N, C-alpha and C. Protein backbone atom coordinates (compact mmCIF):
# COMPACT_ATOMS: atom_id res chain seq x y z
N MET A 1 -1.60 6.98 1.12
CA MET A 1 -1.06 8.11 0.38
C MET A 1 0.42 8.27 0.67
N ALA A 2 0.79 8.05 1.91
CA ALA A 2 2.21 8.18 2.28
C ALA A 2 3.05 7.17 1.51
N CYS A 3 2.54 5.96 1.35
CA CYS A 3 3.29 4.94 0.60
C CYS A 3 3.42 5.32 -0.87
N LEU A 4 2.36 5.86 -1.45
CA LEU A 4 2.44 6.30 -2.85
C LEU A 4 3.45 7.43 -3.01
N ARG A 5 3.42 8.38 -2.11
CA ARG A 5 4.38 9.49 -2.18
C ARG A 5 5.79 8.99 -1.97
N ALA A 6 5.96 8.04 -1.08
CA ALA A 6 7.31 7.49 -0.87
C ALA A 6 7.82 6.84 -2.14
N ARG A 7 6.98 6.10 -2.83
CA ARG A 7 7.40 5.45 -4.08
C ARG A 7 7.75 6.49 -5.15
N ILE A 8 6.97 7.55 -5.21
CA ILE A 8 7.22 8.60 -6.20
C ILE A 8 8.58 9.25 -5.99
N PHE A 9 8.96 9.46 -4.71
CA PHE A 9 10.20 10.16 -4.39
C PHE A 9 11.34 9.22 -4.00
N PHE A 10 11.22 7.94 -4.35
CA PHE A 10 12.28 6.95 -4.11
C PHE A 10 12.61 6.79 -2.63
N ILE A 11 11.62 6.93 -1.77
CA ILE A 11 11.83 6.76 -0.34
C ILE A 11 11.45 5.32 0.01
N GLU A 12 12.33 4.66 0.74
CA GLU A 12 12.09 3.27 1.08
C GLU A 12 10.92 3.15 2.05
N ILE A 13 10.01 2.22 1.76
CA ILE A 13 8.87 1.96 2.63
C ILE A 13 9.33 0.99 3.71
N PRO A 14 8.98 1.24 4.97
CA PRO A 14 9.45 0.38 6.06
C PRO A 14 9.09 -1.09 5.82
N SER A 15 9.92 -1.98 6.35
CA SER A 15 9.68 -3.41 6.16
C SER A 15 8.41 -3.84 6.89
N LYS A 16 8.06 -3.13 7.94
CA LYS A 16 6.81 -3.41 8.65
C LYS A 16 5.68 -2.88 7.77
N THR A 17 5.01 -3.77 7.09
CA THR A 17 4.06 -3.37 6.07
C THR A 17 2.91 -2.52 6.61
N PRO A 18 2.52 -1.50 5.88
CA PRO A 18 1.45 -0.60 6.33
C PRO A 18 0.09 -1.29 6.45
N ARG A 19 -0.04 -2.50 5.96
CA ARG A 19 -1.33 -3.19 6.03
C ARG A 19 -1.53 -3.95 7.35
N THR A 20 -0.50 -4.06 8.16
CA THR A 20 -0.64 -4.83 9.40
C THR A 20 -1.30 -3.99 10.49
N ASP A 21 -1.94 -4.69 11.42
CA ASP A 21 -2.59 -3.99 12.53
C ASP A 21 -1.58 -3.29 13.42
N ASP A 22 -0.39 -3.90 13.60
CA ASP A 22 0.65 -3.27 14.42
C ASP A 22 1.07 -1.93 13.83
N PHE A 23 1.27 -1.90 12.51
CA PHE A 23 1.68 -0.67 11.85
C PHE A 23 0.59 0.40 12.02
N ARG A 24 -0.66 0.01 11.82
CA ARG A 24 -1.77 0.95 11.95
C ARG A 24 -1.88 1.46 13.38
N LYS A 25 -1.65 0.57 14.34
CA LYS A 25 -1.71 0.97 15.74
C LYS A 25 -0.61 2.00 16.04
N ASP A 26 0.61 1.73 15.54
CA ASP A 26 1.72 2.66 15.75
C ASP A 26 1.42 4.03 15.13
N CYS A 27 0.87 4.01 13.91
CA CYS A 27 0.53 5.27 13.24
C CYS A 27 -0.55 6.02 14.01
N GLY A 28 -1.53 5.27 14.52
CA GLY A 28 -2.60 5.88 15.31
C GLY A 28 -2.07 6.54 16.57
N GLU A 29 -1.12 5.86 17.22
CA GLU A 29 -0.52 6.43 18.43
C GLU A 29 0.27 7.69 18.11
N LEU A 30 1.01 7.66 17.00
CA LEU A 30 1.76 8.85 16.60
C LEU A 30 0.82 10.00 16.27
N ALA A 31 -0.23 9.69 15.52
CA ALA A 31 -1.19 10.73 15.14
C ALA A 31 -1.91 11.29 16.36
N GLY A 32 -2.21 10.41 17.33
CA GLY A 32 -2.90 10.85 18.54
C GLY A 32 -2.04 11.75 19.41
N ALA A 33 -0.72 11.62 19.28
CA ALA A 33 0.18 12.44 20.08
C ALA A 33 0.33 13.86 19.52
N ILE A 34 -0.09 14.07 18.29
CA ILE A 34 0.04 15.39 17.67
C ILE A 34 -1.08 16.30 18.19
N LYS A 35 -0.70 17.43 18.72
CA LYS A 35 -1.67 18.39 19.24
C LYS A 35 -1.77 19.55 18.26
N MET A 36 -2.94 19.70 17.69
CA MET A 36 -3.17 20.78 16.74
C MET A 36 -3.57 22.04 17.48
N PRO A 37 -3.05 23.19 17.06
CA PRO A 37 -3.48 24.44 17.70
C PRO A 37 -4.94 24.72 17.34
N PRO A 38 -5.66 25.39 18.20
CA PRO A 38 -7.08 25.67 17.90
C PRO A 38 -7.19 26.58 16.66
N PHE A 39 -8.27 26.39 15.94
CA PHE A 39 -8.51 27.19 14.73
C PHE A 39 -8.79 28.63 15.12
N VAL A 40 -8.10 29.54 14.44
CA VAL A 40 -8.31 30.97 14.64
C VAL A 40 -8.63 31.56 13.28
N PRO A 41 -9.80 32.15 13.12
CA PRO A 41 -10.16 32.72 11.81
C PRO A 41 -9.16 33.80 11.39
N ASN A 42 -8.88 33.83 10.11
CA ASN A 42 -7.95 34.79 9.55
C ASN A 42 -8.71 36.05 9.16
N ASP A 43 -8.43 37.16 9.84
CA ASP A 43 -9.14 38.41 9.57
C ASP A 43 -8.89 38.91 8.15
N GLU A 44 -7.67 38.72 7.65
CA GLU A 44 -7.37 39.18 6.29
C GLU A 44 -8.20 38.43 5.26
N LYS A 45 -8.35 37.12 5.45
CA LYS A 45 -9.14 36.32 4.52
C LYS A 45 -10.60 36.75 4.56
N ALA A 46 -11.10 37.04 5.75
CA ALA A 46 -12.48 37.51 5.88
C ALA A 46 -12.65 38.85 5.15
N LYS A 47 -11.64 39.71 5.24
CA LYS A 47 -11.71 41.00 4.55
C LYS A 47 -11.68 40.80 3.04
N GLU A 48 -10.87 39.84 2.56
CA GLU A 48 -10.83 39.56 1.12
C GLU A 48 -12.19 39.10 0.61
N ILE A 49 -12.82 38.23 1.37
CA ILE A 49 -14.15 37.73 0.97
C ILE A 49 -15.15 38.87 0.95
N GLN A 50 -15.10 39.70 1.98
CA GLN A 50 -16.02 40.84 2.03
C GLN A 50 -15.75 41.80 0.87
N ALA A 51 -14.48 42.00 0.53
CA ALA A 51 -14.13 42.89 -0.59
C ALA A 51 -14.67 42.34 -1.90
N SER A 52 -14.61 41.04 -2.08
CA SER A 52 -15.13 40.46 -3.33
C SER A 52 -16.65 40.59 -3.40
N VAL A 53 -17.31 40.53 -2.25
CA VAL A 53 -18.76 40.73 -2.22
C VAL A 53 -19.08 42.19 -2.55
N ASP A 54 -18.31 43.10 -1.94
CA ASP A 54 -18.52 44.52 -2.20
C ASP A 54 -18.22 44.87 -3.65
N LYS A 55 -17.23 44.21 -4.22
CA LYS A 55 -16.80 44.47 -5.60
C LYS A 55 -17.94 44.19 -6.57
N ALA A 56 -18.72 43.18 -6.28
CA ALA A 56 -19.83 42.81 -7.16
C ALA A 56 -20.88 43.90 -7.23
N SER A 57 -20.97 44.73 -6.21
CA SER A 57 -22.00 45.76 -6.18
C SER A 57 -21.49 47.14 -6.59
N LYS A 58 -20.22 47.25 -7.00
CA LYS A 58 -19.66 48.56 -7.36
C LYS A 58 -19.89 48.89 -8.84
N SER A 59 -19.72 50.16 -9.16
CA SER A 59 -19.90 50.61 -10.54
C SER A 59 -18.67 50.26 -11.38
N LYS A 60 -18.78 50.41 -12.70
CA LYS A 60 -17.69 50.06 -13.62
C LYS A 60 -16.45 50.91 -13.39
N ASP A 61 -16.62 52.21 -13.12
CA ASP A 61 -15.47 53.09 -12.89
C ASP A 61 -14.67 52.65 -11.67
N GLU A 62 -15.39 52.33 -10.62
CA GLU A 62 -14.72 51.88 -9.41
C GLU A 62 -13.99 50.56 -9.66
N LEU A 63 -14.60 49.70 -10.46
CA LEU A 63 -13.99 48.41 -10.77
C LEU A 63 -12.69 48.59 -11.55
N LYS A 64 -12.66 49.55 -12.50
CA LYS A 64 -11.45 49.79 -13.28
C LYS A 64 -10.30 50.24 -12.38
N GLU A 65 -10.60 51.10 -11.41
CA GLU A 65 -9.56 51.56 -10.49
C GLU A 65 -9.03 50.40 -9.64
N GLU A 66 -9.93 49.53 -9.20
CA GLU A 66 -9.50 48.39 -8.40
C GLU A 66 -8.67 47.42 -9.23
N GLU A 67 -9.01 47.27 -10.52
CA GLU A 67 -8.24 46.38 -11.39
C GLU A 67 -6.82 46.88 -11.55
N LYS A 68 -6.64 48.20 -11.62
CA LYS A 68 -5.30 48.76 -11.71
C LYS A 68 -4.50 48.43 -10.45
N LYS A 69 -5.14 48.54 -9.30
CA LYS A 69 -4.48 48.20 -8.05
C LYS A 69 -4.11 46.71 -8.02
N GLU A 70 -5.01 45.87 -8.53
CA GLU A 70 -4.76 44.43 -8.55
C GLU A 70 -3.59 44.08 -9.46
N GLU A 71 -3.43 44.82 -10.57
CA GLU A 71 -2.31 44.57 -11.47
C GLU A 71 -0.99 44.81 -10.76
N VAL A 72 -0.94 45.83 -9.93
CA VAL A 72 0.26 46.10 -9.14
C VAL A 72 0.51 44.94 -8.18
N ASN A 73 -0.55 44.45 -7.54
CA ASN A 73 -0.41 43.31 -6.63
C ASN A 73 0.02 42.05 -7.37
N ASP A 74 -0.47 41.86 -8.61
CA ASP A 74 -0.08 40.70 -9.40
C ASP A 74 1.41 40.71 -9.70
N SER A 75 1.96 41.88 -9.97
CA SER A 75 3.40 41.95 -10.23
C SER A 75 4.19 41.59 -8.97
N LYS A 76 3.65 41.94 -7.80
CA LYS A 76 4.29 41.55 -6.55
C LYS A 76 4.25 40.04 -6.39
N ASP A 77 3.12 39.42 -6.81
CA ASP A 77 2.99 37.96 -6.73
C ASP A 77 4.01 37.28 -7.62
N VAL A 78 4.25 37.84 -8.81
CA VAL A 78 5.23 37.26 -9.72
C VAL A 78 6.62 37.31 -9.08
N ASP A 79 6.94 38.43 -8.46
CA ASP A 79 8.22 38.55 -7.76
C ASP A 79 8.32 37.52 -6.64
N GLN A 80 7.24 37.34 -5.91
CA GLN A 80 7.21 36.37 -4.82
C GLN A 80 7.41 34.95 -5.38
N ASN A 81 6.77 34.65 -6.50
CA ASN A 81 6.93 33.33 -7.13
C ASN A 81 8.38 33.10 -7.54
N GLN A 82 8.99 34.10 -8.12
CA GLN A 82 10.38 33.97 -8.56
C GLN A 82 11.29 33.74 -7.35
N LEU A 83 11.01 34.43 -6.27
CA LEU A 83 11.78 34.25 -5.04
C LEU A 83 11.63 32.82 -4.52
N MET A 84 10.42 32.29 -4.56
CA MET A 84 10.18 30.93 -4.09
C MET A 84 10.87 29.91 -5.00
N ILE A 85 10.87 30.14 -6.30
CA ILE A 85 11.54 29.23 -7.24
C ILE A 85 13.04 29.21 -6.95
N THR A 86 13.61 30.38 -6.74
CA THR A 86 15.04 30.47 -6.43
C THR A 86 15.36 29.74 -5.13
N GLU A 87 14.53 29.95 -4.13
CA GLU A 87 14.75 29.27 -2.84
C GLU A 87 14.61 27.76 -2.98
N PHE A 88 13.63 27.31 -3.78
CA PHE A 88 13.44 25.88 -4.01
C PHE A 88 14.66 25.27 -4.68
N LYS A 89 15.17 25.95 -5.69
CA LYS A 89 16.35 25.43 -6.39
C LYS A 89 17.55 25.34 -5.46
N LYS A 90 17.68 26.31 -4.57
CA LYS A 90 18.78 26.30 -3.61
C LYS A 90 18.64 25.11 -2.66
N LEU A 91 17.44 24.87 -2.17
CA LEU A 91 17.20 23.73 -1.29
C LEU A 91 17.41 22.41 -2.02
N LEU A 92 16.99 22.35 -3.27
CA LEU A 92 17.13 21.14 -4.08
C LEU A 92 18.60 20.79 -4.29
N ALA A 93 19.44 21.79 -4.43
CA ALA A 93 20.87 21.56 -4.63
C ALA A 93 21.51 20.95 -3.39
N GLU A 94 20.92 21.16 -2.22
CA GLU A 94 21.48 20.64 -0.98
C GLU A 94 21.10 19.19 -0.70
N ILE A 95 20.15 18.65 -1.46
CA ILE A 95 19.67 17.29 -1.21
C ILE A 95 20.67 16.29 -1.78
N PRO A 96 21.11 15.33 -0.95
CA PRO A 96 21.99 14.28 -1.49
C PRO A 96 21.18 13.42 -2.44
N PHE A 97 21.72 13.18 -3.63
CA PHE A 97 20.95 12.51 -4.67
C PHE A 97 21.76 11.39 -5.30
N ASP A 98 21.11 10.23 -5.43
CA ASP A 98 21.73 9.08 -6.08
C ASP A 98 21.33 9.11 -7.56
N SER A 99 22.28 9.35 -8.43
CA SER A 99 21.98 9.51 -9.85
C SER A 99 21.42 8.24 -10.48
N LYS A 100 21.63 7.08 -9.85
CA LYS A 100 21.08 5.84 -10.39
C LYS A 100 19.56 5.84 -10.34
N LYS A 101 19.01 6.56 -9.40
CA LYS A 101 17.57 6.59 -9.24
C LYS A 101 16.91 7.67 -10.08
N GLN A 102 17.70 8.48 -10.72
CA GLN A 102 17.16 9.57 -11.50
C GLN A 102 16.40 9.03 -12.70
N VAL A 103 15.22 9.54 -12.95
CA VAL A 103 14.39 9.11 -14.07
C VAL A 103 14.15 10.31 -14.96
N ASP A 104 14.66 10.26 -16.17
CA ASP A 104 14.44 11.34 -17.14
C ASP A 104 14.72 12.71 -16.54
N GLN A 105 15.84 12.86 -15.88
CA GLN A 105 16.32 14.09 -15.28
C GLN A 105 15.42 14.65 -14.18
N TYR A 106 14.47 13.88 -13.69
CA TYR A 106 13.60 14.33 -12.61
C TYR A 106 13.94 13.58 -11.33
N PHE A 107 13.52 14.12 -10.22
CA PHE A 107 13.78 13.51 -8.94
C PHE A 107 12.57 12.69 -8.47
N ILE A 108 11.58 12.57 -9.34
CA ILE A 108 10.40 11.80 -8.99
C ILE A 108 10.11 10.77 -10.07
N LYS A 109 9.42 9.74 -9.69
CA LYS A 109 9.03 8.69 -10.62
C LYS A 109 7.51 8.68 -10.66
N PRO A 110 6.91 8.84 -11.82
CA PRO A 110 5.44 8.83 -11.88
C PRO A 110 4.89 7.44 -11.55
N GLU A 111 3.76 7.42 -10.90
CA GLU A 111 3.07 6.18 -10.58
C GLU A 111 2.03 5.94 -11.67
N VAL A 112 2.08 4.79 -12.30
CA VAL A 112 1.10 4.42 -13.30
C VAL A 112 0.11 3.48 -12.62
N PHE A 113 -1.18 3.82 -12.71
CA PHE A 113 -2.20 3.05 -12.00
C PHE A 113 -2.22 1.61 -12.49
N GLU A 114 -2.14 0.69 -11.54
CA GLU A 114 -2.20 -0.75 -11.84
C GLU A 114 -3.04 -1.40 -10.76
N LYS A 115 -4.25 -1.79 -11.13
CA LYS A 115 -5.18 -2.33 -10.15
C LYS A 115 -4.87 -3.76 -9.74
N ASP A 116 -4.11 -4.49 -10.54
CA ASP A 116 -3.86 -5.91 -10.27
C ASP A 116 -2.64 -6.17 -9.40
N ASN A 117 -1.84 -5.17 -9.13
CA ASN A 117 -0.65 -5.33 -8.29
C ASN A 117 -0.99 -4.85 -6.88
N ASP A 118 -1.21 -5.79 -5.97
CA ASP A 118 -1.64 -5.43 -4.61
C ASP A 118 -0.55 -4.81 -3.77
N SER A 119 0.69 -4.90 -4.20
CA SER A 119 1.79 -4.37 -3.38
C SER A 119 2.10 -2.91 -3.69
N ASN A 120 1.40 -2.28 -4.64
CA ASN A 120 1.75 -0.91 -5.02
C ASN A 120 0.91 0.16 -4.32
N PHE A 121 -0.03 -0.25 -3.48
CA PHE A 121 -0.84 0.65 -2.65
C PHE A 121 -1.85 1.48 -3.43
N HIS A 122 -2.07 1.20 -4.70
CA HIS A 122 -3.05 1.97 -5.48
C HIS A 122 -4.47 1.69 -4.99
N ILE A 123 -4.81 0.42 -4.87
CA ILE A 123 -6.15 0.06 -4.39
C ILE A 123 -6.32 0.47 -2.93
N ASP A 124 -5.24 0.37 -2.16
CA ASP A 124 -5.30 0.81 -0.76
C ASP A 124 -5.67 2.29 -0.67
N PHE A 125 -5.08 3.09 -1.54
CA PHE A 125 -5.39 4.52 -1.54
C PHE A 125 -6.85 4.75 -1.92
N MET A 126 -7.30 4.06 -2.97
CA MET A 126 -8.70 4.21 -3.38
C MET A 126 -9.65 3.75 -2.28
N TYR A 127 -9.29 2.67 -1.61
CA TYR A 127 -10.09 2.14 -0.51
C TYR A 127 -10.20 3.16 0.62
N SER A 128 -9.08 3.76 0.98
CA SER A 128 -9.06 4.76 2.05
C SER A 128 -9.90 5.98 1.69
N MET A 129 -9.70 6.49 0.48
CA MET A 129 -10.42 7.69 0.07
C MET A 129 -11.92 7.43 -0.08
N ALA A 130 -12.27 6.24 -0.60
CA ALA A 130 -13.68 5.90 -0.74
C ALA A 130 -14.35 5.85 0.62
N ASN A 131 -13.65 5.30 1.60
CA ASN A 131 -14.25 5.21 2.93
C ASN A 131 -14.24 6.54 3.66
N CYS A 132 -13.30 7.41 3.35
CA CYS A 132 -13.35 8.78 3.89
C CYS A 132 -14.60 9.48 3.35
N ARG A 133 -14.83 9.30 2.06
CA ARG A 133 -16.02 9.88 1.43
C ARG A 133 -17.28 9.28 2.05
N SER A 134 -17.29 7.97 2.25
CA SER A 134 -18.45 7.31 2.85
C SER A 134 -18.74 7.88 4.24
N ALA A 135 -17.71 8.06 5.03
CA ALA A 135 -17.89 8.61 6.37
C ALA A 135 -18.40 10.05 6.31
N ASN A 136 -17.87 10.80 5.36
CA ASN A 136 -18.25 12.21 5.23
C ASN A 136 -19.72 12.37 4.85
N TYR A 137 -20.21 11.50 3.95
CA TYR A 137 -21.58 11.62 3.45
C TYR A 137 -22.52 10.59 4.07
N LYS A 138 -22.07 9.93 5.14
CA LYS A 138 -22.87 8.95 5.86
C LYS A 138 -23.37 7.84 4.94
N LEU A 139 -22.46 7.34 4.10
CA LEU A 139 -22.74 6.22 3.20
C LEU A 139 -22.19 4.94 3.83
N GLU A 140 -22.62 3.83 3.30
CA GLU A 140 -22.13 2.54 3.79
C GLU A 140 -20.67 2.38 3.35
N PRO A 141 -19.75 2.04 4.28
CA PRO A 141 -18.34 1.87 3.88
C PRO A 141 -18.18 0.63 3.00
N MET A 142 -17.13 0.64 2.19
CA MET A 142 -16.84 -0.49 1.30
C MET A 142 -15.67 -1.27 1.84
N ASP A 143 -15.64 -2.56 1.55
CA ASP A 143 -14.47 -3.34 1.94
C ASP A 143 -13.46 -3.33 0.79
N TRP A 144 -12.24 -3.70 1.11
CA TRP A 144 -11.11 -3.58 0.18
C TRP A 144 -11.36 -4.31 -1.13
N ILE A 145 -11.88 -5.53 -1.06
CA ILE A 145 -12.06 -6.32 -2.29
C ILE A 145 -13.12 -5.72 -3.20
N ASN A 146 -14.17 -5.12 -2.61
CA ASN A 146 -15.19 -4.46 -3.45
C ASN A 146 -14.61 -3.26 -4.18
N VAL A 147 -13.74 -2.52 -3.50
CA VAL A 147 -13.09 -1.38 -4.16
C VAL A 147 -12.25 -1.88 -5.32
N LYS A 148 -11.53 -2.97 -5.11
CA LYS A 148 -10.68 -3.52 -6.17
C LYS A 148 -11.53 -3.99 -7.35
N LEU A 149 -12.64 -4.65 -7.09
CA LEU A 149 -13.52 -5.12 -8.17
C LEU A 149 -14.12 -3.95 -8.94
N LYS A 150 -14.56 -2.93 -8.22
CA LYS A 150 -15.15 -1.76 -8.90
C LYS A 150 -14.11 -1.02 -9.72
N ALA A 151 -12.90 -0.89 -9.19
CA ALA A 151 -11.83 -0.22 -9.94
C ALA A 151 -11.52 -1.00 -11.21
N GLY A 152 -11.62 -2.32 -11.16
CA GLY A 152 -11.36 -3.14 -12.32
C GLY A 152 -12.39 -2.94 -13.42
N ARG A 153 -13.59 -2.56 -13.04
CA ARG A 153 -14.63 -2.32 -14.05
C ARG A 153 -14.62 -0.88 -14.55
N ILE A 154 -14.21 0.05 -13.71
CA ILE A 154 -14.27 1.46 -14.09
C ILE A 154 -13.16 1.82 -15.08
N VAL A 155 -11.95 1.36 -14.85
CA VAL A 155 -10.82 1.75 -15.69
C VAL A 155 -11.04 1.38 -17.16
N PRO A 156 -11.45 0.13 -17.48
CA PRO A 156 -11.71 -0.16 -18.90
C PRO A 156 -12.86 0.66 -19.47
N ALA A 157 -13.85 0.94 -18.65
CA ALA A 157 -14.97 1.75 -19.13
C ALA A 157 -14.50 3.16 -19.48
N LEU A 158 -13.62 3.72 -18.66
CA LEU A 158 -13.09 5.05 -18.95
C LEU A 158 -12.27 5.04 -20.23
N ALA A 159 -11.47 4.00 -20.40
CA ALA A 159 -10.61 3.91 -21.59
C ALA A 159 -11.46 3.80 -22.85
N THR A 160 -12.48 2.94 -22.81
CA THR A 160 -13.30 2.77 -24.01
C THR A 160 -14.14 4.01 -24.29
N THR A 161 -14.62 4.66 -23.26
CA THR A 161 -15.37 5.90 -23.44
C THR A 161 -14.47 6.97 -24.05
N THR A 162 -13.28 7.11 -23.54
CA THR A 162 -12.33 8.08 -24.08
C THR A 162 -12.03 7.78 -25.55
N ALA A 163 -11.83 6.52 -25.88
CA ALA A 163 -11.54 6.14 -27.26
C ALA A 163 -12.72 6.46 -28.17
N ALA A 164 -13.92 6.18 -27.69
CA ALA A 164 -15.11 6.46 -28.51
C ALA A 164 -15.27 7.97 -28.75
N ILE A 165 -15.05 8.76 -27.71
CA ILE A 165 -15.18 10.20 -27.86
C ILE A 165 -14.09 10.74 -28.78
N ALA A 166 -12.88 10.22 -28.63
CA ALA A 166 -11.79 10.67 -29.51
C ALA A 166 -12.09 10.30 -30.96
N GLY A 167 -12.69 9.13 -31.17
CA GLY A 167 -13.05 8.71 -32.51
C GLY A 167 -14.11 9.61 -33.13
N LEU A 168 -15.05 10.04 -32.32
CA LEU A 168 -16.09 10.94 -32.81
C LEU A 168 -15.50 12.29 -33.19
């Protein structure tokens, strides 16, 4: 995923390829050095969940009053969004930018899925995510070439299905 994001934002990928064992070992050591703070439940979030449960059991009059209060909160959210947009634009102006890399006035380049180009990290990403899913659901992990073969069969099937539905 990091390699895909780097390509999207024109960030150079290190010459030490991410597919080598040395690179993976280095990343593992870096990740192992990161100490995450212990999880602490958020009391406000728990209260929000409880409020939504309580809201389901309230009468219509009470709901109307709460909706009025929520409208006031929504306007505060809009103000907060505008503040964040302004701050983002200010930060964006500070970034040194090479205009040669600019694509259609954006600072990012979209990635178009290409299963046959092994150097673009698309199959690598699918392989990683498929095996994360396998580990999560206690499924048999897949090897890289099987992911590539399956992706090669799925993409044309999706395209033809989409075309058939659009035709209908």
